[in-house]
């Protein structure tokens, strides 16, 4: 088959097989993909082309040449006739290169001479087209979803109701510190379907109040219930009014705790101040929940499982359940936490125990895979929570609530202890309607919370640390007369250092002591610093002062005003007076009821 035949067989126009070699000025035959192509550059002389070098560019101007025996002589005109519409270089277009060959429909694309050809473009398979289309669609959905998420977050932010803490809080929780959240359940009859409960016109009280303390290392937490009928002193309360002005609501002495909210225009900040006055713990934030919170939150998680040790039929709360396990939500859940006449002794303290069991069940459900792995439940929770809760101004956005939730989420429910402020019946009443603090136990409970001490054993590491601290108190003690100590005031009441100095010298025989003035910075807790060789003196002074091993800080030796080595006692904000022990208890006092959230208990 000749060159033309080969060209046609490869589906290429024969005229397109002849191209000008710019180096020789001559036309050369370029074959299709099925045959080797001529390489641009000087052509190897053939026997019939002995005079080729002499011909040079003249032949390129139009003089025909013969490529070999049996082949036709071709000129520019011949090529032009065989390739209509294509212009070969001539006098009117000097140096113009011949365009690349035309490719017929369906024929493979051929690279231009002198260049490395690109791989033929493969036809995209149908499956790949679908994959690419789907990927593009998914990208669009993700972008659209991001916009929808932003709008949904704005929607949730709009749901949140917040009021000022009026300076009653610490200014908000911090990630590297212990957290104290005040949870307030009000009996205000707001929301659909709640008008029929009790006093429909009530402004609301602090009906259910829990101080939730989460340890600094997030290994444990304590939920301390405060009885609504506990007799307390409600302090003066600066309160922000609707018009932005400030009003101080006068405090009242020896009244029920629940009057710290609602009465006389008191806001949650007044309840915070009352809790601080009672326990010595200043809350970081507060959350207020109404009746609807119980109904909507339990429905959002698909109900919570509770256990009854007996049949309950309470016409006041409208709770009617048989003995055994039940999953409750909505109105039935609200009836469960409101009932009191049908459980225990029929009073508020019995209802507190029931509410703690309910909250334990709710915590277990919130931490369960059934809830955490369900997007619909999580969205329902976000919707219900933001609508039902009123928070302080430090928690007025989804971002802040999310950060708090992440901190609380680190807690294992088995280390969440529920307990109640120790109380006794009010001795001033013939008919027992209120309660007062059990001073022999309450102070110890409050001290444990203030000092971040767990009510339950949490980790072996904690036990080892406690053992190491206790070891500091073991060993020989120097005589009181040999104790040389500098006393600093590090946040205690003014005059505390001098008071302690007098007490130590006159009553305890620590004559080598001196008042060293104020400490460089205030401390929350009293400390006793000593050098290793002064351990005997430190143990003696710790025993006299009633200090725990945690208050003892081994360090370097310092000198007193006479240039003699001495130990340093710094009185912190926890100092309550000379002779008042500062030992931090390491467990709850005997007789204090407590339970952990991981255990299922049946109400009786």
Protein backbone atom coordinates (compact mmCIF):
# COMPACT_ATOMS: atom_id res chain seq x y z
CA UNK A 1 0.00 0.00 0.00
CA UNK A 2 1.41 3.42 -0.96
CA UNK A 3 1.64 6.44 1.27
CA UNK A 4 -1.71 7.79 0.21
CA UNK A 5 -3.33 4.43 0.83
CA UNK A 6 -1.78 4.23 4.24
CA UNK A 7 -3.01 7.72 5.03
CA UNK A 8 -6.55 6.92 4.07
CA UNK A 9 -6.42 3.69 6.01
CA UNK A 10 -5.50 5.72 9.08
CA UNK A 11 -8.38 8.08 8.41
CA UNK A 12 -6.08 11.06 7.62
CA UNK A 13 -6.31 13.32 4.57
CA UNK A 14 -3.31 12.49 2.27
CA UNK A 15 -2.49 16.17 1.85
CA UNK A 16 -1.99 16.39 5.57
CA UNK A 17 0.82 13.84 5.43
CA UNK A 18 3.22 16.35 3.80
CA UNK A 19 4.64 19.00 6.11
CA UNK A 20 7.42 21.55 5.74
CA UNK A 21 10.63 20.84 7.63
CA UNK A 22 11.84 24.29 8.79
CA UNK A 23 15.43 23.10 9.01
CA UNK A 24 15.69 21.89 5.41
CA UNK A 25 13.04 24.02 3.78
CA UNK A 26 11.62 20.87 2.19
CA UNK A 27 8.36 19.02 2.48
CA UNK A 28 8.52 15.64 4.17
CA UNK A 29 6.13 12.77 4.33
CA UNK A 30 4.60 12.20 7.74
CA UNK A 31 2.83 8.90 8.16
CA UNK A 32 -0.02 8.09 10.49
CA UNK A 33 0.18 6.35 13.87
CA UNK A 34 0.42 2.97 12.17
CA UNK A 35 3.77 3.78 10.57
CA UNK A 36 6.95 5.49 11.75
CA UNK A 37 6.92 9.26 11.38
CA UNK A 38 9.68 11.35 9.94
CA UNK A 39 11.61 13.24 12.52
CA UNK A 40 12.01 16.97 11.99
CA UNK A 41 15.54 17.99 11.14
CA UNK A 42 18.03 17.25 8.36
CA UNK A 43 16.84 14.41 6.16
CA UNK A 44 19.23 11.59 5.41
CA UNK A 45 20.19 11.88 1.70
CA UNK A 46 18.87 9.22 -0.57
CA UNK A 47 20.54 7.89 -3.77
CA UNK A 48 18.23 9.96 -5.93
CA UNK A 49 18.84 13.05 -3.84
CA UNK A 50 22.54 13.53 -4.30
CA UNK A 51 21.97 17.13 -5.20
CA UNK A 52 19.65 17.78 -2.25
CA UNK A 53 22.01 20.07 -0.35
CA UNK A 54 22.42 22.23 -3.43
CA UNK A 55 18.76 22.56 -4.01
CA UNK A 56 18.26 24.12 -0.53
CA UNK A 57 15.35 26.42 -0.15
CA UNK A 58 14.74 26.81 -3.88
CA UNK A 59 12.85 23.59 -3.89
CA UNK A 60 10.77 24.91 -1.03
CA UNK A 61 9.71 27.79 -3.26
CA UNK A 62 7.77 25.46 -5.47
CA UNK A 63 10.11 23.35 -7.62
CA UNK A 64 9.00 19.73 -7.50
CA UNK A 65 11.16 16.99 -6.18
CA UNK A 66 11.01 13.23 -6.42
CA UNK A 67 11.01 11.31 -3.12
CA UNK A 68 12.01 7.98 -4.52
CA UNK A 69 11.36 5.45 -7.21
CA UNK A 70 7.70 4.81 -7.93
CA UNK A 71 6.45 7.77 -5.88
CA UNK A 72 4.83 10.86 -7.26
CA UNK A 73 6.56 14.19 -7.41
CA UNK A 74 4.62 16.63 -5.20
CA UNK A 75 4.63 20.40 -5.18
CA UNK A 76 2.98 22.96 -3.03
CA UNK A 77 0.22 23.31 -5.57
CA UNK A 78 -0.39 19.55 -5.59
CA UNK A 79 -0.61 19.50 -1.81
CA UNK A 80 -2.93 22.53 -1.92
CA UNK A 81 -5.22 20.84 -4.46
CA UNK A 82 -5.42 17.68 -2.35
CA UNK A 83 -6.06 19.69 0.78
CA UNK A 84 -8.62 22.36 -0.04
CA UNK A 85 -8.74 25.27 2.28
CA UNK A 86 -5.20 24.72 3.58
CA UNK A 87 -2.58 27.21 2.56
CA UNK A 88 0.97 26.07 2.04
CA UNK A 89 3.71 28.58 2.60
CA UNK A 90 4.57 30.64 -0.45
CA UNK A 91 5.77 34.03 -1.47
CA UNK A 92 2.78 35.74 0.11
CA UNK A 93 3.41 33.98 3.43
CA UNK A 94 7.13 33.56 3.87
CA UNK A 95 8.20 31.39 6.78
CA UNK A 96 4.62 30.51 7.68
CA UNK A 97 4.36 27.06 9.18
CA UNK A 98 1.85 24.58 7.99
CA UNK A 99 -1.00 24.15 10.49
CA UNK A 100 -1.32 20.78 12.18
CA UNK A 101 -3.24 18.14 10.25
CA UNK A 102 -6.97 18.03 10.42
CA UNK A 103 -8.38 15.20 12.42
CA UNK A 104 -11.49 13.57 11.17
CA UNK A 105 -14.34 12.90 13.51
CA UNK A 106 -13.58 9.91 15.67
CA UNK A 107 -9.90 9.79 14.70
CA UNK A 108 -7.30 9.93 17.49
CA UNK A 109 -5.58 13.25 18.07
CA UNK A 110 -1.97 13.34 16.81
CA UNK A 111 0.76 15.43 18.44
CA UNK A 112 2.51 18.10 16.40
CA UNK A 113 5.98 17.25 15.09
CA UNK A 114 8.88 17.92 17.41
CA UNK A 115 6.72 17.73 20.56
CA UNK A 116 6.00 14.92 22.92
CA UNK A 117 2.44 13.90 22.41
CA UNK A 118 -0.05 13.95 25.25
CA UNK A 119 -1.82 10.82 26.20
CA UNK A 120 -5.14 10.44 24.50
CA UNK A 121 -8.00 11.70 26.65
CA UNK A 122 -9.90 8.74 27.95
CA UNK A 123 -13.61 8.81 27.84
CA UNK A 124 -15.04 9.26 31.34
CA UNK A 125 -16.99 6.23 32.36
CA UNK A 126 -20.62 6.57 33.35
CA UNK A 127 -19.86 5.41 36.88
CA UNK A 128 -17.13 8.02 37.30
CA UNK A 129 -19.42 10.75 35.98
CA UNK A 130 -21.97 9.81 38.62
CA UNK A 131 -19.29 9.83 41.32
CA UNK A 132 -18.03 13.26 40.27
CA UNK A 133 -21.55 14.63 40.11
CA UNK A 134 -22.34 13.21 43.53
CA UNK A 135 -19.14 14.65 44.99
CA UNK A 136 -19.99 18.07 43.64
CA UNK A 137 -23.48 17.79 45.01
CA UNK A 138 -22.16 16.74 48.40
CA UNK A 139 -19.81 19.71 48.45
CA UNK A 140 -22.78 21.95 47.76
CA UNK A 141 -24.79 20.26 50.49
CA UNK A 142 -21.95 20.73 52.96
CA UNK A 143 -21.70 24.42 52.16
CA UNK A 144 -25.45 24.78 52.35
CA UNK A 145 -25.42 22.78 55.58
CA UNK A 146 -22.83 25.11 57.08
CA UNK A 147 -25.13 28.01 56.32
CA UNK A 148 -28.07 26.13 57.79
CA UNK A 149 -26.02 25.29 60.91
CA UNK A 150 -25.15 28.96 61.31
CA UNK A 151 -28.81 29.91 61.03
CA UNK A 152 -29.76 27.16 63.49
CA UNK A 153 -27.16 28.38 65.99
CA UNK A 154 -28.59 31.88 65.65
CA UNK A 155 -32.01 30.38 66.27
CA UNK A 156 -30.79 28.62 69.42
CA UNK A 157 -29.09 31.78 70.63
CA UNK A 158 -32.40 33.59 70.21
CA UNK A 159 -34.04 30.91 72.38
CA UNK A 160 -31.76 31.62 75.34
CA UNK A 161 -33.15 33.85 78.08
CA UNK A 162 -30.57 35.45 80.37
CA UNK A 163 -30.58 37.82 83.32
CA UNK A 164 -27.77 39.64 85.06
CA UNK A 165 -25.92 38.00 87.92
CA UNK A 166 -25.59 41.49 89.47
CA UNK A 167 -22.06 40.74 90.60
CA UNK A 168 -23.11 37.78 92.75
CA UNK A 169 -21.04 35.23 90.80
CA UNK A 170 -17.31 34.75 90.31
CA UNK A 171 -17.70 36.05 86.76
CA UNK A 172 -18.14 32.65 85.11
CA UNK A 173 -16.54 29.21 85.23
CA UNK A 174 -12.96 28.63 84.10
CA UNK A 175 -11.60 25.51 82.41
CA UNK A 176 -8.60 25.10 84.71
CA UNK A 177 -10.49 25.55 87.98
CA UNK A 178 -13.21 23.80 89.98
CA UNK A 179 -16.72 24.68 88.77
CA UNK A 180 -19.71 25.63 90.93
CA UNK A 181 -23.06 25.90 89.14
CA UNK A 182 -26.25 26.83 90.98
CA UNK A 183 -29.27 24.97 89.57
CA UNK A 184 -32.60 26.51 90.54
CA UNK A 185 -35.97 24.91 89.91
CA UNK A 186 -38.77 27.43 90.24
CA UNK A 187 -42.42 26.63 90.89
CA UNK A 188 -43.59 29.55 88.77
CA UNK A 189 -46.58 28.33 86.73
CA UNK A 190 -45.40 29.50 83.33
CA UNK A 191 -45.81 27.61 80.07
CA UNK A 192 -48.63 25.76 78.41
CA UNK A 193 -50.59 23.42 80.64
CA UNK A 194 -49.00 24.54 83.93
CA UNK A 195 -51.70 26.93 85.15
CA UNK A 196 -53.53 24.18 87.00
CA UNK A 197 -50.57 23.33 89.23
CA UNK A 198 -50.92 24.84 92.72
CA UNK A 199 -50.79 28.64 92.94
CA UNK A 200 -51.26 29.76 89.33
CA UNK A 201 -50.48 33.38 90.22
CA UNK A 202 -47.24 32.69 92.05
CA UNK A 203 -44.17 34.77 91.15
CA UNK A 204 -42.13 31.67 91.79
CA UNK A 205 -39.80 30.50 94.54
CA UNK A 206 -36.47 28.69 94.73
CA UNK A 207 -38.43 25.47 95.08
CA UNK A 208 -35.62 23.06 94.17
CA UNK A 209 -32.03 24.26 94.51
CA UNK A 210 -28.85 22.27 93.88
CA UNK A 211 -25.26 23.50 94.15
CA UNK A 212 -23.30 21.42 91.63
CA UNK A 213 -19.58 21.32 92.42
CA UNK A 214 -17.27 19.80 89.80
CA UNK A 215 -13.70 19.12 90.90
CA UNK A 216 -10.76 20.90 89.34
CA UNK A 217 -9.50 17.71 87.70
CA UNK A 218 -13.06 16.77 86.59
CA UNK A 219 -12.69 13.36 88.25
CA UNK A 220 -15.68 13.82 90.57
CA UNK A 221 -18.61 16.09 91.40
CA UNK A 222 -21.02 16.75 94.24
CA UNK A 223 -24.65 17.81 93.83
CA UNK A 224 -25.71 19.44 97.09
CA UNK A 225 -29.47 19.88 97.52
CA UNK A 226 -30.60 22.81 99.65
CA UNK A 227 -34.02 22.29 101.30
CA UNK A 228 -36.55 24.94 100.37
CA UNK A 229 -37.79 25.09 103.99
CA UNK A 230 -34.33 25.66 105.48
CA UNK A 231 -34.25 28.74 107.73
CA UNK A 232 -31.56 31.16 106.49
CA UNK A 233 -30.65 34.81 106.37
CA UNK A 234 -31.23 36.37 102.94
CA UNK A 235 -28.71 39.22 102.45
CA UNK A 236 -29.25 42.59 100.78
CA UNK A 237 -29.45 42.08 97.04
CA UNK A 238 -28.46 44.66 94.40
CA UNK A 239 -30.75 43.89 91.45
CA UNK A 240 -30.87 45.18 87.89
CA UNK A 241 -34.34 46.43 87.00
CA UNK A 242 -36.05 46.19 83.63
CA UNK A 243 -35.07 49.76 82.79
CA UNK A 244 -31.41 49.04 83.54
CA UNK A 245 -31.33 50.83 86.88
CA UNK A 246 -30.04 49.24 90.08
CA UNK A 247 -32.18 48.61 93.13
CA UNK A 248 -31.05 47.15 96.43
CA UNK A 249 -33.66 44.76 97.78
CA UNK A 250 -33.32 44.65 101.58
CA UNK A 251 -32.40 41.32 103.12
CA UNK A 252 -34.51 39.44 105.62
CA UNK A 253 -33.46 37.40 108.63
CA UNK A 254 -34.53 33.88 109.53
CA UNK A 255 -36.81 33.12 106.62
CA UNK A 256 -37.32 30.12 104.35
CA UNK A 257 -34.59 29.64 101.75
CA UNK A 258 -37.12 29.51 98.91
CA UNK A 259 -37.98 33.19 99.47
CA UNK A 260 -34.56 34.13 98.08
CA UNK A 261 -36.15 34.07 94.61
CA UNK A 262 -39.25 35.86 93.37
CA UNK A 263 -40.34 37.46 96.63
CA UNK A 264 -40.03 41.27 96.76
CA UNK A 265 -38.67 41.24 93.21
CA UNK A 266 -35.67 39.05 93.97
CA UNK A 267 -33.84 37.55 90.99
CA UNK A 268 -31.56 34.47 90.79
CA UNK A 269 -28.63 36.67 91.83
CA UNK A 270 -30.30 36.98 95.25
CA UNK A 271 -30.39 33.20 95.53
CA UNK A 272 -26.69 33.10 94.62
CA UNK A 273 -25.87 35.55 97.41
CA UNK A 274 -27.91 33.50 99.87
CA UNK A 275 -26.04 30.31 98.91
CA UNK A 276 -22.69 32.07 99.36
CA UNK A 277 -23.80 33.34 102.77
CA UNK A 278 -24.90 29.83 103.75
CA UNK A 279 -22.07 27.65 102.42
CA UNK A 280 -19.11 29.96 101.83
CA UNK A 281 -19.08 28.82 98.20
CA UNK A 282 -19.47 31.54 95.54
CA UNK A 283 -21.18 30.10 92.45
CA UNK A 284 -19.66 30.67 88.99
CA UNK A 285 -22.96 30.58 87.11
CA UNK A 286 -26.64 29.79 87.57
CA UNK A 287 -29.38 28.07 85.58
CA UNK A 288 -33.09 28.40 86.30
CA UNK A 289 -35.54 25.74 85.11
CA UNK A 290 -39.33 25.92 85.20
CA UNK A 291 -41.93 23.15 84.98
CA UNK A 292 -41.60 22.97 81.21
CA UNK A 293 -37.90 22.08 81.48
CA UNK A 294 -38.73 18.77 83.15
CA UNK A 295 -41.37 17.96 80.54
CA UNK A 296 -39.47 18.94 77.41
CA UNK A 297 -36.04 17.58 78.41
CA UNK A 298 -37.39 14.16 79.33
CA UNK A 299 -39.35 13.99 76.08
CA UNK A 300 -36.28 15.06 74.09
CA UNK A 301 -34.30 12.03 75.28
CA UNK A 302 -37.20 9.63 74.84
CA UNK A 303 -38.03 9.35 78.53
CA UNK A 304 -36.02 8.37 81.63
CA UNK A 305 -36.24 5.16 83.60
CA UNK A 306 -37.23 5.38 87.27
CA UNK A 307 -37.95 2.77 89.90
CA UNK A 308 -40.63 2.68 92.59
CA UNK A 309 -40.45 0.49 95.66
CA UNK A 310 -44.20 0.67 96.12
CA UNK A 311 -47.37 1.74 94.33
CA UNK A 312 -47.89 5.50 94.24
CA UNK A 313 -51.22 7.28 93.84
CA UNK A 314 -50.83 10.98 94.68
CA UNK A 315 -53.88 13.13 93.83
CA UNK A 316 -51.93 16.33 94.54
CA UNK A 317 -49.19 15.75 91.96
CA UNK A 318 -51.41 13.51 89.76
CA UNK A 319 -48.81 10.72 89.83
CA UNK A 320 -50.18 7.21 89.62
CA UNK A 321 -47.61 4.45 89.05
CA UNK A 322 -47.33 0.86 90.16
CA UNK A 323 -44.37 -0.68 91.94
CA UNK A 324 -41.45 -1.41 89.65
CA UNK A 325 -39.57 0.22 86.78
CA UNK A 326 -41.16 2.79 84.48
CA UNK A 327 -40.04 5.05 81.65
CA UNK A 328 -41.54 8.47 82.17
CA UNK A 329 -41.54 11.73 80.23
CA UNK A 330 -43.54 14.91 79.83
CA UNK A 331 -46.41 15.47 82.26
CA UNK A 332 -45.74 12.18 84.02
CA UNK A 333 -42.10 13.16 84.66
CA UNK A 334 -43.22 16.49 86.13
CA UNK A 335 -45.69 14.70 88.39
CA UNK A 336 -42.88 12.40 89.54
CA UNK A 337 -40.55 15.20 90.70
CA UNK A 338 -43.43 17.13 92.32
CA UNK A 339 -44.85 14.30 94.40
CA UNK A 340 -44.02 14.25 98.10
CA UNK A 341 -47.01 13.03 100.09
CA UNK A 342 -46.70 9.52 98.69
CA UNK A 343 -42.99 8.95 99.45
CA UNK A 344 -40.91 8.79 102.62
CA UNK A 345 -42.29 10.89 105.44
CA UNK A 346 -44.40 12.94 103.08
CA UNK A 347 -42.36 16.13 103.39
CA UNK A 348 -39.98 18.19 101.32
CA UNK A 349 -36.91 16.19 102.43
CA UNK A 350 -38.50 13.01 101.07
CA UNK A 351 -39.20 14.76 97.78
CA UNK A 352 -35.56 15.86 97.57
CA UNK A 353 -34.50 12.21 97.63
CA UNK A 354 -36.98 11.44 94.85
CA UNK A 355 -35.70 14.34 92.76
CA UNK A 356 -32.11 13.17 93.21
CA UNK A 357 -33.09 9.72 91.94
CA UNK A 358 -34.79 11.34 88.95
CA UNK A 359 -31.75 13.51 88.14
CA UNK A 360 -29.49 10.45 88.41
CA UNK A 361 -31.69 8.67 85.87
CA UNK A 362 -31.63 11.73 83.60
CA UNK A 363 -27.82 11.90 83.81
CA UNK A 364 -27.52 8.22 82.90
CA UNK A 365 -29.79 8.75 79.90
CA UNK A 366 -27.90 11.84 78.75
CA UNK A 367 -24.59 9.96 78.92
CA UNK A 368 -25.93 6.84 77.22
CA UNK A 369 -25.04 5.88 73.64
CA UNK A 370 -28.76 5.88 72.88
CA UNK A 371 -28.71 9.66 73.32
CA UNK A 372 -25.19 10.63 72.29
CA UNK A 373 -25.37 8.76 68.97
CA UNK A 374 -28.78 10.11 67.98
CA UNK A 375 -28.59 13.40 66.03
CA UNK A 376 -32.34 13.90 66.35
CA UNK A 377 -32.23 13.58 70.14
CA UNK A 378 -29.27 15.91 70.39
CA UNK A 379 -31.09 18.53 68.32
CA UNK A 380 -34.23 18.08 70.40
CA UNK A 381 -32.15 18.52 73.55
CA UNK A 382 -30.61 21.72 72.20
CA UNK A 383 -34.04 23.05 71.31
CA UNK A 384 -35.64 22.06 74.63
CA UNK A 385 -32.72 23.20 76.78
CA UNK A 386 -32.39 26.64 75.24
CA UNK A 387 -36.13 27.26 75.50
CA UNK A 388 -36.66 25.95 79.02
CA UNK A 389 -33.62 27.37 80.84
CA UNK A 390 -32.86 30.89 82.00
CA UNK A 391 -29.14 31.47 82.52
CA UNK A 392 -26.91 34.23 83.81
CA UNK A 393 -25.34 36.73 81.43
CA UNK A 394 -22.06 34.76 81.40
CA UNK A 395 -23.82 31.81 79.72
CA UNK A 396 -25.94 33.67 77.20
CA UNK A 397 -24.77 31.94 74.01
CA UNK A 398 -24.59 28.45 72.56
CA UNK A 399 -20.80 28.72 72.42
CA UNK A 400 -20.53 29.34 76.17
CA UNK A 401 -23.03 26.60 77.00
CA UNK A 402 -21.11 24.25 74.72
CA UNK A 403 -17.85 24.96 76.56
CA UNK A 404 -19.55 24.27 79.89
CA UNK A 405 -21.08 21.09 78.49
CA UNK A 406 -17.65 19.85 77.36
CA UNK A 407 -16.27 20.34 80.86
CA UNK A 408 -19.22 18.56 82.50
CA UNK A 409 -19.02 15.82 79.88
CA UNK A 410 -15.62 14.73 81.24
CA UNK A 411 -17.30 13.52 84.42
CA UNK A 412 -18.09 9.85 85.01
CA UNK A 413 -21.56 9.48 86.56
CA UNK A 414 -20.25 6.93 89.07
CA UNK A 415 -18.28 9.77 90.67
CA UNK A 416 -21.24 12.19 90.81
CA UNK A 417 -22.50 12.19 94.40
CA UNK A 418 -25.94 13.49 95.40
CA UNK A 419 -26.29 14.67 98.98
CA UNK A 420 -28.34 17.16 101.01
CA UNK A 421 -27.41 19.93 103.42
CA UNK A 422 -27.53 18.31 106.90
CA UNK A 423 -30.53 19.69 108.78
CA UNK A 424 -32.69 19.04 111.83
CA UNK A 425 -36.24 20.04 112.63
CA UNK A 426 -36.64 23.64 113.73
CA UNK A 427 -36.75 23.50 117.54
CA UNK A 428 -38.63 26.80 117.64
CA UNK A 429 -41.72 25.25 116.04
CA UNK A 430 -44.31 23.06 117.64
CA UNK A 431 -45.61 21.95 114.26
CA UNK A 432 -42.59 20.91 112.29
CA UNK A 433 -42.75 22.87 109.05
CA UNK A 434 -39.19 24.18 108.66
CA UNK A 435 -35.65 22.94 109.31
CA UNK A 436 -32.37 24.46 110.50
CA UNK A 437 -28.73 23.53 109.91
CA UNK A 438 -27.26 20.58 111.72
CA UNK A 439 -24.16 22.52 112.80
CA UNK A 440 -22.25 19.40 113.80
CA UNK A 441 -22.29 18.12 110.22
CA UNK A 442 -23.12 21.00 107.87
CA UNK A 443 -19.86 22.86 108.44
CA UNK A 444 -17.87 19.78 107.44
CA UNK A 445 -19.92 19.30 104.26
CA UNK A 446 -19.42 22.92 103.23
CA UNK A 447 -15.69 22.71 103.99
CA UNK A 448 -15.30 19.64 101.76
CA UNK A 449 -16.92 21.46 98.83
CA UNK A 450 -14.88 24.62 99.38
CA UNK A 451 -11.68 22.57 99.45
CA UNK A 452 -12.59 20.43 96.42
CA UNK A 453 -12.75 17.18 98.40
CA UNK A 454 -14.72 14.34 96.82
CA UNK A 455 -17.59 12.69 98.68
CA UNK A 456 -16.75 9.40 96.99
CA UNK A 457 -13.53 7.50 96.36
CA UNK A 458 -12.55 8.16 92.77
CA UNK A 459 -9.08 6.99 91.81
CA UNK A 460 -6.17 5.06 93.24
CA UNK A 461 -4.03 8.08 92.45
CA UNK A 462 -6.15 10.15 94.80
CA UNK A 463 -5.55 7.64 97.57
CA UNK A 464 -1.80 7.75 97.03
CA UNK A 465 -1.80 11.54 97.11
CA UNK A 466 -3.84 11.53 100.32
CA UNK A 467 -1.39 9.07 101.88
CA UNK A 468 1.56 11.27 100.92
CA UNK A 469 -0.12 14.32 102.46
CA UNK A 470 -0.95 12.42 105.66
CA UNK A 471 2.68 11.30 105.92
CA UNK A 472 3.77 14.90 106.43
CA UNK A 473 2.07 14.89 109.81
CA UNK A 474 3.74 11.67 110.92
CA UNK A 475 7.05 11.73 112.75
CA UNK A 476 8.55 13.40 115.76
CA UNK A 477 7.40 16.83 116.87
CA UNK A 478 9.63 19.51 118.32
CA UNK A 479 8.66 21.11 121.65
CA UNK A 480 6.51 24.23 121.29
CA UNK A 481 9.26 26.31 122.88
CA UNK A 482 11.61 25.42 120.00
CA UNK A 483 9.22 26.41 117.23
CA UNK A 484 10.43 29.57 115.53
CA UNK A 485 7.71 30.97 113.21
CA UNK A 486 6.97 34.06 111.12
CA UNK A 487 3.22 34.87 110.86
CA UNK A 488 1.87 36.60 107.74
CA UNK A 489 -1.66 37.76 106.92
CA UNK A 490 -2.51 36.40 103.45
CA UNK A 491 -6.15 37.34 103.15
CA UNK A 492 -7.58 36.75 106.64
CA UNK A 493 -9.49 39.40 108.53
CA UNK A 494 -7.33 42.40 109.45
CA UNK A 495 -5.55 41.85 112.78
CA UNK A 496 -5.55 38.05 112.44
CA UNK A 497 -1.74 37.80 112.45
CA UNK A 498 -1.43 39.72 115.73
CA UNK A 499 -4.31 37.76 117.27
CA UNK A 500 -2.63 34.48 116.35
CA UNK A 501 0.74 35.67 117.65
CA UNK A 502 -0.75 36.50 121.05
CA UNK A 503 -2.58 33.19 121.22
CA UNK A 504 0.52 31.16 120.32
CA UNK A 505 2.78 32.96 122.80
CA UNK A 506 0.37 33.21 125.73
CA UNK A 507 -1.62 29.96 125.45
CA UNK A 508 0.42 27.50 123.40
CA UNK A 509 3.98 28.27 124.50
CA UNK A 510 5.28 29.19 121.03
CA UNK A 511 7.37 32.06 122.34
CA UNK A 512 9.74 32.31 119.38
CA UNK A 513 7.14 33.78 117.06
CA UNK A 514 6.72 37.14 115.38
CA UNK A 515 4.24 39.13 113.30
CA UNK A 516 5.79 39.55 109.83
CA UNK A 517 3.01 41.72 108.40
CA UNK A 518 1.09 41.10 105.17
CA UNK A 519 1.92 38.38 102.67
CA UNK A 520 3.01 39.37 99.12
CA UNK A 521 -0.28 38.03 97.73
CA UNK A 522 -3.57 36.79 99.21
CA UNK A 523 -4.17 33.05 99.55
CA UNK A 524 -7.42 31.11 99.64
CA UNK A 525 -6.04 28.63 102.15
CA UNK A 526 -3.68 28.87 105.09
CA UNK A 527 -0.22 27.41 104.46
CA UNK A 528 2.78 26.40 106.56
CA UNK A 529 6.12 26.46 104.74
CA UNK A 530 9.27 24.84 106.17
CA UNK A 531 12.69 23.52 105.21
CA UNK A 532 13.42 19.75 105.52
CA UNK A 533 15.42 20.20 108.74
CA UNK A 534 12.44 22.10 110.25
CA UNK A 535 9.91 19.28 109.78
CA UNK A 536 9.66 18.63 113.55
CA UNK A 537 8.79 22.28 114.22
CA UNK A 538 6.24 22.27 111.39
CA UNK A 539 4.49 19.15 112.71
CA UNK A 540 4.20 20.71 116.17
CA UNK A 541 2.73 23.96 114.84
CA UNK A 542 0.35 22.07 112.50
CA UNK A 543 -0.96 20.11 115.46
CA UNK A 544 -1.44 23.32 117.48
CA UNK A 545 -3.17 25.16 114.61
CA UNK A 546 -5.28 22.21 113.50
CA UNK A 547 -3.73 22.17 110.01
CA UNK A 548 -3.93 19.23 107.62
CA UNK A 549 -0.98 17.73 105.79
CA UNK A 550 -2.23 19.51 102.63
CA UNK A 551 -1.48 22.86 104.25
CA UNK A 552 2.17 21.92 104.85
CA UNK A 553 4.49 23.06 102.06
CA UNK A 554 8.10 21.79 102.09
CA UNK A 555 10.47 24.43 100.76
CA UNK A 556 13.65 26.36 101.47
CA UNK A 557 14.74 27.84 104.76
CA UNK A 558 13.99 31.51 105.45
CA UNK A 559 15.11 33.78 108.28
CA UNK A 560 13.16 35.92 110.72
CA UNK A 561 13.85 39.52 111.68
CA UNK A 562 16.77 38.40 113.87
CA UNK A 563 18.42 36.51 111.00
CA UNK A 564 17.56 33.09 112.44
CA UNK A 565 15.96 30.27 110.40
CA UNK A 566 12.20 30.10 110.85
CA UNK A 567 9.11 28.45 109.39
CA UNK A 568 6.40 30.63 107.79
CA UNK A 569 2.70 30.53 108.67
CA UNK A 570 0.51 32.44 106.14
CA UNK A 571 -3.11 32.95 107.21
CA UNK A 572 -5.37 32.59 104.18
CA UNK A 573 -8.98 33.54 103.55
CA UNK A 574 -10.09 30.28 105.20
CA UNK A 575 -8.68 31.38 108.57
CA UNK A 576 -11.56 31.76 111.03
CA UNK A 577 -9.72 32.83 114.17
CA UNK A 578 -7.01 31.79 116.57
CA UNK A 579 -7.71 28.35 117.97
CA UNK A 580 -10.22 27.37 115.26
CA UNK A 581 -8.96 24.16 113.58
CA UNK A 582 -8.27 24.37 109.84
CA UNK A 583 -8.13 20.66 109.12
CA UNK A 584 -9.92 19.79 105.87
CA UNK A 585 -12.04 16.64 106.23
CA UNK A 586 -11.34 13.87 103.75
CA UNK A 587 -14.75 12.20 103.91
CA UNK A 588 -18.36 13.07 104.59
CA UNK A 589 -19.50 13.03 108.22
CA UNK A 590 -21.38 10.03 109.56
CA UNK A 591 -25.11 10.09 109.01
CA UNK A 592 -25.07 12.23 105.86
CA UNK A 593 -27.13 10.54 103.16
CA UNK A 594 -25.44 10.33 99.77
CA UNK A 595 -25.82 8.37 96.57
CA UNK A 596 -24.01 8.21 93.24
CA UNK A 597 -25.64 8.81 89.87
CA UNK A 598 -24.64 5.43 88.43
CA UNK A 599 -26.82 3.46 90.84
CA UNK A 600 -30.51 2.79 90.30
CA UNK A 601 -32.49 3.28 93.51
CA UNK A 602 -36.18 2.66 94.04
CA UNK A 603 -38.27 5.35 95.71
CA UNK A 604 -40.15 4.19 98.81
